[in-house]
C-alpha atoms as a PDB file:
ATOM      1  CA  MET A   1      -0.299  -0.202   0.175  1.00  0.00           C
ATOM      2  CA  SER A   2       1.369   3.573  -1.134  1.00  0.00           C
ATOM      3  CA  LEU A   3       0.233   6.855   0.507  1.00  0.00           C
ATOM      4  CA  LEU A   4       0.022   9.965  -1.431  1.00  0.00           C
ATOM      5  CA  ILE A   5       0.888  13.119   0.671  1.00  0.00           C
ATOM      6  CA  ASN A   6       0.462  16.764   0.174  1.00  0.00           C
ATOM      7  CA  VAL A   7       1.189  19.519   2.803  1.00  0.00           C
ATOM      8  CA  GLN A   8       1.124  23.155   2.092  1.00  0.00           C
ATOM      9  CA  LEU A   9       2.410  25.117   4.552  1.00  0.00           C
ATOM     10  CA  ASP A  10       2.123  29.511   4.786  1.00  0.00           C
ATOM     11  CA  TYR A  11       3.355  31.092   7.773  1.00  0.00           C
ATOM     12  CA  GLY A  12       4.421  34.768   8.330  1.00  0.00           C
ATOM     13  CA  PHE A  13       7.361  35.859   9.932  1.00  0.00           C
ATOM     14  CA  ALA A  14       7.911  39.972  10.691  1.00  0.00           C
ATOM     15  CA  HIS A  15      11.359  39.678  12.056  1.00  0.00           C
ATOM     16  CA  ALA A  16      14.248  37.195  11.045  1.00  0.00           C
ATOM     17  CA  CYS A  17      13.771  33.752  12.932  1.00  0.00           C
ATOM     18  CA  ASP A  18      15.428  30.693  13.223  1.00  0.00           C
ATOM     19  CA  VAL A  19      13.014  27.898  11.929  1.00  0.00           C
ATOM     20  CA  LEU A  20      13.100  24.047  12.920  1.00  0.00           C
ATOM     21  CA  LEU A  21      10.905  22.088  10.246  1.00  0.00           C
ATOM     22  CA  GLN A  22      10.005  18.374  10.271  1.00  0.00           C
ATOM     23  CA  VAL A  23       7.382  17.255   7.756  1.00  0.00           C
ATOM     24  CA  GLU A  24       8.998  14.866   5.762  1.00  0.00           C
ATOM     25  CA  ALA A  25       8.437  11.019   5.844  1.00  0.00           C
ATOM     26  CA  ALA A  26      11.702   9.069   7.257  1.00  0.00           C
ATOM     27  CA  ALA A  27      13.163   6.303   5.458  1.00  0.00           C
ATOM     28  CA  ILE A  28      12.759   3.735   7.700  1.00  0.00           C
ATOM     29  CA  PRO A  29      12.562   0.153   7.832  1.00  0.00           C
ATOM     30  CA  GLY A  30       8.660  -0.403   7.138  1.00  0.00           C
ATOM     31  CA  GLN A  31       8.296   2.362   5.038  1.00  0.00           C
ATOM     32  CA  VAL A  32       9.826   3.230   1.223  1.00  0.00           C
ATOM     33  CA  ILE A  33       9.887   6.884   0.270  1.00  0.00           C
ATOM     34  CA  GLU A  34       8.876   6.173  -3.766  1.00  0.00           C
ATOM     35  CA  ARG A  35       9.201   9.495  -4.239  1.00  0.00           C
ATOM     36  CA  ALA A  36       9.473  12.920  -2.615  1.00  0.00           C
ATOM     37  CA  HIS A  37       9.726  16.770  -3.071  1.00  0.00           C
ATOM     38  CA  LEU A  38       9.859  19.803  -0.763  1.00  0.00           C
ATOM     39  CA  THR A  39      10.336  23.078  -1.979  1.00  0.00           C
ATOM     40  CA  VAL A  40      10.440  25.735   0.747  1.00  0.00           C
ATOM     41  CA  THR A  41      10.759  29.623   0.075  1.00  0.00           C
ATOM     42  CA  HIS A  42      14.243  30.822  -0.074  1.00  0.00           C
ATOM     43  CA  GLY A  43      15.723  32.172   3.125  1.00  0.00           C
ATOM     44  CA  GLU A  44      18.781  33.256   4.593  1.00  0.00           C
ATOM     45  CA  HIS A  45      19.934  29.109   5.850  1.00  0.00           C
ATOM     46  CA  PHE A  46      18.617  25.964   4.942  1.00  0.00           C
ATOM     47  CA  ALA A  47      20.301  22.750   6.873  1.00  0.00           C
ATOM     48  CA  ARG A  48      19.316  19.374   7.088  1.00  0.00           C
ATOM     49  CA  VAL A  49      19.870  17.901  10.650  1.00  0.00           C
ATOM     50  CA  PRO A  50      19.351  14.102  12.016  1.00  0.00           C
ATOM     51  CA  ALA A  51      16.306  14.150  13.968  1.00  0.00           C
ATOM     52  CA  GLN A  52      15.374  12.099  17.549  1.00  0.00           C
ATOM     53  CA  ASP A  53      17.545   8.679  17.771  1.00  0.00           C
ATOM     54  CA  ASN A  54      18.464   9.691  13.851  1.00  0.00           C
ATOM     55  CA  ILE A  55      14.740   8.861  12.913  1.00  0.00           C
ATOM     56  CA  GLY A  56      14.345  11.252   9.694  1.00  0.00           C
ATOM     57  CA  GLU A  57      15.565  14.727   9.410  1.00  0.00           C
ATOM     58  CA  ARG A  58      14.676  18.529  10.840  1.00  0.00           C
ATOM     59  CA  ILE A  59      15.827  21.527   8.916  1.00  0.00           C
ATOM     60  CA  TRP A  60      17.169  24.453  10.273  1.00  0.00           C
ATOM     61  CA  LEU A  61      15.692  27.077   8.450  1.00  0.00           C
ATOM     62  CA  ARG A  62      15.972  31.156   9.160  1.00  0.00           C
ATOM     63  CA  VAL A  63      13.391  33.103   7.047  1.00  0.00           C
ATOM     64  CA  GLN A  64      11.861  36.560   7.211  1.00  0.00           C
ATOM     65  CA  GLY A  65       8.412  37.592   5.577  1.00  0.00           C
ATOM     66  CA  ARG A  66       6.060  34.708   4.370  1.00  0.00           C
ATOM     67  CA  MET A  67       7.447  31.582   4.437  1.00  0.00           C
ATOM     68  CA  LEU A  68       5.779  29.069   1.846  1.00  0.00           C
ATOM     69  CA  VAL A  69       6.595  25.232   2.014  1.00  0.00           C
ATOM     70  CA  ASP A  70       5.104  22.719   0.088  1.00  0.00           C
ATOM     71  CA  TYR A  71       5.936  18.998   0.831  1.00  0.00           C
ATOM     72  CA  GLN A  72       4.554  15.921  -1.811  1.00  0.00           C
ATOM     73  CA  ALA A  73       5.875  12.548  -1.385  1.00  0.00           C
ATOM     74  CA  THR A  74       4.232   9.116  -2.409  1.00  0.00           C
ATOM     75  CA  VAL A  75       5.406   6.409   0.683  1.00  0.00           C
ATOM     76  CA  ALA A  76       5.110   2.382   0.519  1.00  0.00           C
ATOM     77  CA  ILE A  77       3.946   1.145   3.827  1.00  0.00           C
ATOM     78  CA  ASN A  78       4.870  -2.627   4.351  1.00  0.00           C
ATOM     79  CA  ARG A  79       4.544  -2.399   7.807  1.00  0.00           C
ATOM     80  CA  ILE A  80       2.887  -5.349   9.116  1.00  0.00           C
ATOM     81  CA  ARG A  81      -0.060  -4.884  11.040  1.00  0.00           C
ATOM     82  CA  SER A  82       0.712  -6.961  14.410  1.00  0.00           C
ATOM     83  CA  ASP A  83      -0.852  -8.164  17.419  1.00  0.00           C
ATOM     84  CA  PHE A  84       0.564  -6.727  20.026  1.00  0.00           C
ATOM     85  CA  GLY A  85      -1.681  -7.726  23.005  1.00  0.00           C
ATOM     86  CA  VAL A  86       0.100 -11.524  22.809  1.00  0.00           C
ATOM     87  CA  LEU A  87       3.699  -9.908  23.344  1.00  0.00           C
ATOM     88  CA  ALA A  88       5.996 -10.017  26.222  1.00  0.00           C
ATOM     89  CA  ALA A  89       7.303  -6.583  27.945  1.00  0.00           C
ATOM     90  CA  GLY A  90      11.077  -7.121  28.220  1.00  0.00           C
ATOM     91  CA  LEU A  91      13.123  -7.428  31.161  1.00  0.00           C
ATOM     92  CA  PHE A  92      14.448  -4.081  32.439  1.00  0.00           C
ATOM     93  CA  HIS A  93      18.393  -5.730  31.969  1.00  0.00           C
ATOM     94  CA  GLN A  94      17.686  -6.683  28.212  1.00  0.00           C
ATOM     95  CA  LEU A  95      16.348  -3.436  26.880  1.00  0.00           C
ATOM     96  CA  PRO A  96      18.603  -1.990  24.633  1.00  0.00           C
ATOM     97  CA  GLY A  97      20.089   1.622  25.185  1.00  0.00           C
ATOM     98  CA  GLU A  98      17.342   3.231  22.483  1.00  0.00           C
ATOM     99  CA  ALA A  99      14.450   2.150  24.537  1.00  0.00           C
ATOM    100  CA  VAL A 100      15.866   3.189  28.151  1.00  0.00           C
ATOM    101  CA  GLN A 101      14.942   7.210  27.702  1.00  0.00           C
ATOM    102  CA  TYR A 102      11.484   6.449  27.114  1.00  0.00           C
ATOM    103  CA  LEU A 103      10.771   4.455  30.466  1.00  0.00           C
ATOM    104  CA  LEU A 104      11.284   8.005  32.114  1.00  0.00           C
ATOM    105  CA  PRO A 105       9.140  10.710  32.726  1.00  0.00           C
ATOM    106  CA  SER A 106       8.909  14.014  30.176  1.00  0.00           C
ATOM    107  CA  ARG A 107       7.507  17.174  30.109  1.00  0.00           C
ATOM    108  CA  TYR A 108       3.929  16.538  28.711  1.00  0.00           C
ATOM    109  CA  CYS A 109       3.840  12.692  29.984  1.00  0.00           C
ATOM    110  CA  PRO A 110       4.679  12.761  34.094  1.00  0.00           C
ATOM    111  CA  SER A 111       4.309   9.004  34.482  1.00  0.00           C
ATOM    112  CA  ASN A 112       5.636   9.151  37.775  1.00  0.00           C
ATOM    113  CA  GLN A 113       2.183  10.517  38.546  1.00  0.00           C
ATOM    114  CA  PHE A 114       0.101   7.612  37.451  1.00  0.00           C
ATOM    115  CA  THR A 115       1.695   4.583  39.203  1.00  0.00           C
ATOM    116  CA  ASP A 116      -0.783   3.931  41.790  1.00  0.00           C
ATOM    117  CA  PHE A 117      -3.471   4.027  38.960  1.00  0.00           C
ATOM    118  CA  VAL A 118      -2.411   1.443  36.478  1.00  0.00           C
ATOM    119  CA  GLU A 119      -1.741  -0.645  39.129  1.00  0.00           C
ATOM    120  CA  HIS A 120      -5.482  -0.604  40.381  1.00  0.00           C
ATOM    121  CA  GLN A 121      -6.650  -0.129  37.080  1.00  0.00           C
ATOM    122  CA  PHE A 122      -4.635  -2.738  34.792  1.00  0.00           C
ATOM    123  CA  GLY A 123      -2.311  -4.728  37.666  1.00  0.00           C
ATOM    124  CA  GLY A 124      -3.996  -8.046  36.355  1.00  0.00           C
ATOM    125  CA  LEU A 125      -2.440  -7.567  33.120  1.00  0.00           C
ATOM    126  CA  GLU A 126       1.218  -7.835  31.466  1.00  0.00           C
ATOM    127  CA  GLY A 127       2.639  -6.886  28.579  1.00  0.00           C
ATOM    128  CA  GLY A 128       0.868  -6.445  25.351  1.00  0.00           C
ATOM    129  CA  ALA A 129      -2.410  -7.073  27.010  1.00  0.00           C
ATOM    130  CA  LYS A 130      -2.030  -4.182  29.130  1.00  0.00           C
ATOM    131  CA  ILE A 131      -0.778  -1.611  26.654  1.00  0.00           C
ATOM    132  CA  ALA A 132      -4.390  -3.244  24.456  1.00  0.00           C
ATOM    133  CA  ALA A 133      -6.310  -2.461  27.894  1.00  0.00           C
ATOM    134  CA  ILE A 134      -4.846   0.963  28.532  1.00  0.00           C
ATOM    135  CA  ARG A 135      -5.715   1.972  24.950  1.00  0.00           C
ATOM    136  CA  ASP A 136      -9.155   0.537  24.930  1.00  0.00           C
ATOM    137  CA  TRP A 137     -10.038   2.427  28.334  1.00  0.00           C
ATOM    138  CA  ILE A 138      -8.468   5.823  26.790  1.00  0.00           C
ATOM    139  CA  PHE A 139     -10.917   5.416  23.895  1.00  0.00           C
ATOM    140  CA  GLU A 140     -13.750   4.730  26.263  1.00  0.00           C
ATOM    141  CA  HIS A 141     -12.912   7.849  27.931  1.00  0.00           C
ATOM    142  CA  LEU A 142     -11.953  10.496  26.368  1.00  0.00           C
ATOM    143  CA  SER A 143     -13.674  12.559  23.588  1.00  0.00           C
ATOM    144  CA  TYR A 144     -11.951  13.538  20.480  1.00  0.00           C
ATOM    145  CA  VAL A 145     -12.488  17.419  20.723  1.00  0.00           C
ATOM    146  CA  PRO A 146     -10.826  20.020  18.294  1.00  0.00           C
ATOM    147  CA  GLY A 147      -9.192  22.990  20.042  1.00  0.00           C
ATOM    148  CA  SER A 148      -9.684  21.197  23.754  1.00  0.00           C
ATOM    149  CA  SER A 149      -5.994  21.696  24.388  1.00  0.00           C
ATOM    150  CA  ASN A 150      -3.337  23.637  23.624  1.00  0.00           C
ATOM    151  CA  SER A 151       0.608  24.215  24.005  1.00  0.00           C
ATOM    152  CA  GLU A 152       0.675  23.566  27.867  1.00  0.00           C
ATOM    153  CA  THR A 153      -1.753  21.017  28.244  1.00  0.00           C
ATOM    154  CA  THR A 154       0.018  17.915  29.752  1.00  0.00           C
ATOM    155  CA  ALA A 155      -1.163  13.911  30.209  1.00  0.00           C
ATOM    156  CA  VAL A 156      -2.447  15.317  33.707  1.00  0.00           C
ATOM    157  CA  ASP A 157      -4.481  18.081  32.250  1.00  0.00           C
ATOM    158  CA  THR A 158      -6.144  15.335  29.807  1.00  0.00           C
ATOM    159  CA  PHE A 159      -6.679  12.390  32.180  1.00  0.00           C
ATOM    160  CA  HIS A 160      -8.596  15.136  34.227  1.00  0.00           C
ATOM    161  CA  GLY A 161     -10.333  17.191  31.585  1.00  0.00           C
ATOM    162  CA  GLY A 162     -11.157  13.771  29.631  1.00  0.00           C
ATOM    163  CA  GLU A 163     -11.125  15.138  26.046  1.00  0.00           C
ATOM    164  CA  GLY A 164      -8.160  16.305  23.715  1.00  0.00           C
ATOM    165  CA  ILE A 165      -6.555  15.753  20.190  1.00  0.00           C
ATOM    166  CA  CYS A 166      -4.586  13.141  18.999  1.00  0.00           C
ATOM    167  CA  ARG A 167      -1.103  14.443  20.631  1.00  0.00           C
ATOM    168  CA  ASP A 168      -3.242  14.341  23.906  1.00  0.00           C
ATOM    169  CA  TYR A 169      -4.716  10.958  23.313  1.00  0.00           C
ATOM    170  CA  ALA A 170      -0.805  10.282  22.647  1.00  0.00           C
ATOM    171  CA  HIS A 171       0.564  11.306  25.899  1.00  0.00           C
ATOM    172  CA  LEU A 172      -1.898   9.917  28.021  1.00  0.00           C
ATOM    173  CA  MET A 173      -0.969   6.400  26.230  1.00  0.00           C
ATOM    174  CA  ILE A 174       2.792   6.681  26.639  1.00  0.00           C
ATOM    175  CA  THR A 175       2.296   8.237  30.185  1.00  0.00           C
ATOM    176  CA  LEU A 176       0.399   5.193  31.207  1.00  0.00           C
ATOM    177  CA  ALA A 177       2.133   2.519  29.742  1.00  0.00           C
ATOM    178  CA  ARG A 178       5.509   4.322  31.278  1.00  0.00           C
ATOM    179  CA  ALA A 179       4.087   4.080  34.463  1.00  0.00           C
ATOM    180  CA  CYS A 180       3.458   0.545  33.668  1.00  0.00           C
ATOM    181  CA  ASP A 181       7.662   0.363  33.372  1.00  0.00           C
ATOM    182  CA  ILE A 182       6.739  -0.140  29.436  1.00  0.00           C
ATOM    183  CA  PRO A 183       9.069   2.238  27.189  1.00  0.00           C
ATOM    184  CA  ALA A 184       6.948   4.337  25.151  1.00  0.00           C
ATOM    185  CA  ARG A 185       7.586   7.524  22.789  1.00  0.00           C
ATOM    186  CA  ILE A 186       5.435   9.561  20.504  1.00  0.00           C
ATOM    187  CA  ALA A 187       5.532   9.195  17.022  1.00  0.00           C
ATOM    188  CA  SER A 188       4.444  12.109  14.525  1.00  0.00           C
ATOM    189  CA  VAL A 189       2.677  10.361  11.369  1.00  0.00           C
ATOM    190  CA  TYR A 190       0.839  10.738   8.085  1.00  0.00           C
ATOM    191  CA  ALA A 191      -2.240   8.461   8.663  1.00  0.00           C
ATOM    192  CA  LEU A 192      -5.220   7.354   6.345  1.00  0.00           C
ATOM    193  CA  GLY A 193      -8.473   7.984   7.891  1.00  0.00           C
ATOM    194  CA  VAL A 194      -7.556  11.171  10.076  1.00  0.00           C
ATOM    195  CA  THR A 195     -10.550  13.535  10.593  1.00  0.00           C
ATOM    196  CA  PRO A 196     -10.048  16.498  10.187  1.00  0.00           C
ATOM    197  CA  PRO A 197      -6.876  15.971   7.999  1.00  0.00           C
ATOM    198  CA  ASP A 198      -3.788  17.201   9.552  1.00  0.00           C
ATOM    199  CA  PHE A 199      -0.471  16.412  11.167  1.00  0.00           C
ATOM    200  CA  HIS A 200      -1.196  12.871  13.549  1.00  0.00           C
ATOM    201  CA  ALA A 201       0.549  11.658  16.854  1.00  0.00           C
ATOM    202  CA  VAL A 202       0.488   8.588  18.264  1.00  0.00           C
ATOM    203  CA  ALA A 203       2.081   6.340  20.663  1.00  0.00           C
ATOM    204  CA  GLU A 204       4.955   3.645  20.063  1.00  0.00           C
ATOM    205  CA  VAL A 205       5.674   1.439  22.395  1.00  0.00           C
ATOM    206  CA  PHE A 206       8.419  -1.429  23.060  1.00  0.00           C
ATOM    207  CA  LEU A 207       7.040  -4.889  23.319  1.00  0.00           C
ATOM    208  CA  GLY A 208       8.402  -8.279  22.152  1.00  0.00           C
ATOM    209  CA  GLY A 209      12.053  -6.824  21.292  1.00  0.00           C
ATOM    210  CA  THR A 210      10.910  -4.064  19.155  1.00  0.00           C
ATOM    211  CA  TRP A 211       8.668  -0.764  18.451  1.00  0.00           C
ATOM    212  CA  HIS A 212       4.888  -0.917  17.624  1.00  0.00           C
ATOM    213  CA  LEU A 213       2.496   1.988  17.106  1.00  0.00           C
ATOM    214  CA  VAL A 214      -0.307   2.455  18.536  1.00  0.00           C
ATOM    215  CA  ASP A 215      -3.335   5.043  17.638  1.00  0.00           C
ATOM    216  CA  ALA A 216      -5.795   5.257  20.801  1.00  0.00           C
ATOM    217  CA  THR A 217      -7.680   7.855  19.393  1.00  0.00           C
ATOM    218  CA  GLY A 218      -9.034   4.663  16.772  1.00  0.00           C
ATOM    219  CA  MET A 219      -8.765   6.590  13.758  1.00  0.00           C
ATOM    220  CA  ALA A 220      -5.583   4.699  12.565  1.00  0.00           C
ATOM    221  CA  GLN A 221      -3.749   1.765  12.132  1.00  0.00           C
ATOM    222  CA  GLU A 222      -0.102   1.136  12.219  1.00  0.00           C
ATOM    223  CA  ASP A 223       0.060  -0.423   8.664  1.00  0.00           C
ATOM    224  CA  GLU A 224      -1.416   2.366   7.418  1.00  0.00           C
ATOM    225  CA  MET A 225       1.150   5.453   8.352  1.00  0.00           C
ATOM    226  CA  ALA A 226       3.952   6.853   7.139  1.00  0.00           C
ATOM    227  CA  VAL A 227       6.323   7.676  10.473  1.00  0.00           C
ATOM    228  CA  ILE A 228       7.808  11.431  10.091  1.00  0.00           C
ATOM    229  CA  GLY A 229       9.650  11.450  13.781  1.00  0.00           C
ATOM    230  CA  ILE A 230       9.901  10.147  17.202  1.00  0.00           C
ATOM    231  CA  GLY A 231      10.081  11.374  20.391  1.00  0.00           C
ATOM    232  CA  ARG A 232       9.876  11.722  24.168  1.00  0.00           C
ATOM    233  CA  ASP A 233       6.401  13.813  23.548  1.00  0.00           C
ATOM    234  CA  ILE A 234       5.426  16.548  21.480  1.00  0.00           C
ATOM    235  CA  GLY A 235       7.894  18.674  21.980  1.00  0.00           C
ATOM    236  CA  ASP A 236      10.599  16.723  20.058  1.00  0.00           C
ATOM    237  CA  VAL A 237       8.129  15.965  16.931  1.00  0.00           C
ATOM    238  CA  ALA A 238       6.254  19.071  16.297  1.00  0.00           C
ATOM    239  CA  PHE A 239       6.303  20.035  12.422  1.00  0.00           C
ATOM    240  CA  LEU A 240       7.299  23.477  12.807  1.00  0.00           C
ATOM    241  CA  THR A 241       9.582  25.164  15.706  1.00  0.00           C
ATOM    242  CA  ALA A 242       9.594  28.833  15.349  1.00  0.00           C
ATOM    243  CA  PHE A 243      12.344  30.778  18.224  1.00  0.00           C
ATOM    244  CA  GLY A 244      10.224  33.955  17.969  1.00  0.00           C
ATOM    245  CA  PRO A 245       7.097  35.075  17.260  1.00  0.00           C
ATOM    246  CA  LEU A 246       5.152  34.409  13.660  1.00  0.00           C
ATOM    247  CA  GLU A 247       1.603  34.519  12.085  1.00  0.00           C
ATOM    248  CA  MET A 248      -0.091  31.297  10.633  1.00  0.00           C
ATOM    249  CA  ASN A 249      -1.980  32.382   6.787  1.00  0.00           C
ATOM    250  CA  GLY A 250      -2.931  28.867   6.089  1.00  0.00           C
ATOM    251  CA  GLN A 251      -1.543  25.272   6.012  1.00  0.00           C
ATOM    252  CA  SER A 252      -2.805  21.904   4.611  1.00  0.00           C
ATOM    253  CA  VAL A 253      -2.469  18.391   4.730  1.00  0.00           C
ATOM    254  CA  SER A 254      -3.629  15.649   3.161  1.00  0.00           C
ATOM    255  CA  VAL A 255      -3.059  12.138   2.951  1.00  0.00           C
ATOM    256  CA  GLU A 256      -4.563   9.593   0.268  1.00  0.00           C
ATOM    257  CA  LEU A 257      -3.996   6.318  -1.222  1.00  0.00           C
ATOM    258  CA  ALA A 258      -2.283   6.341  -4.555  1.00  0.00           C
ATOM    259  CA  GLY A 259      -3.555   5.711  -7.463  1.00  0.00           C
END
């Protein structure tokens, strides 16, 4: 299966500003970049740097005035949809170095505050069965409400508020998984079925010796996603980070099956 991805960003900067851009699908196992083209308004600086854990790339820009970004790609997905519910969690001393940091709390995912809750709610389960139960609990207890959160919303806020958008679902999924001592991280993705169409965020959990994408919103499946990048939480995978004031004129994201 191949995904046809089209992204347009239109932002304005009254003053010269450094911008970190991350919109391109990553060249990683499970997906193949068949075709890709990126156009960015000319600025003072353009440089590619490795993204978190060397999965995908970020682009450093220095821009002033209007910034237009056009990204088009066709990505073949050969990732297999796994039944992670039957997989075991790894023993701590057997975890690879890449997974260790994702056991720990982070800015938006204060997992240390949820240890009592997960023991009470999911204590009778292990490994993948526990992750599946957490996913189902989040899906049943949260409402997807655009505009219900902001850049300061943490998993604690989402847990108590009972609503959010994709990043909030992902943050709560990650937080509860880490509270169960299962490594979990965020993945920014392009995915079929996302409503409204936009950049999408899901969790990724380490089970059975490898990573598995988990979408607690229920909108996307792991064999229908193209990964852009990964990180501890949304702070590591924002599609655009501006180190100064900006104005959004418009943006659009579409993901379709390639004909």
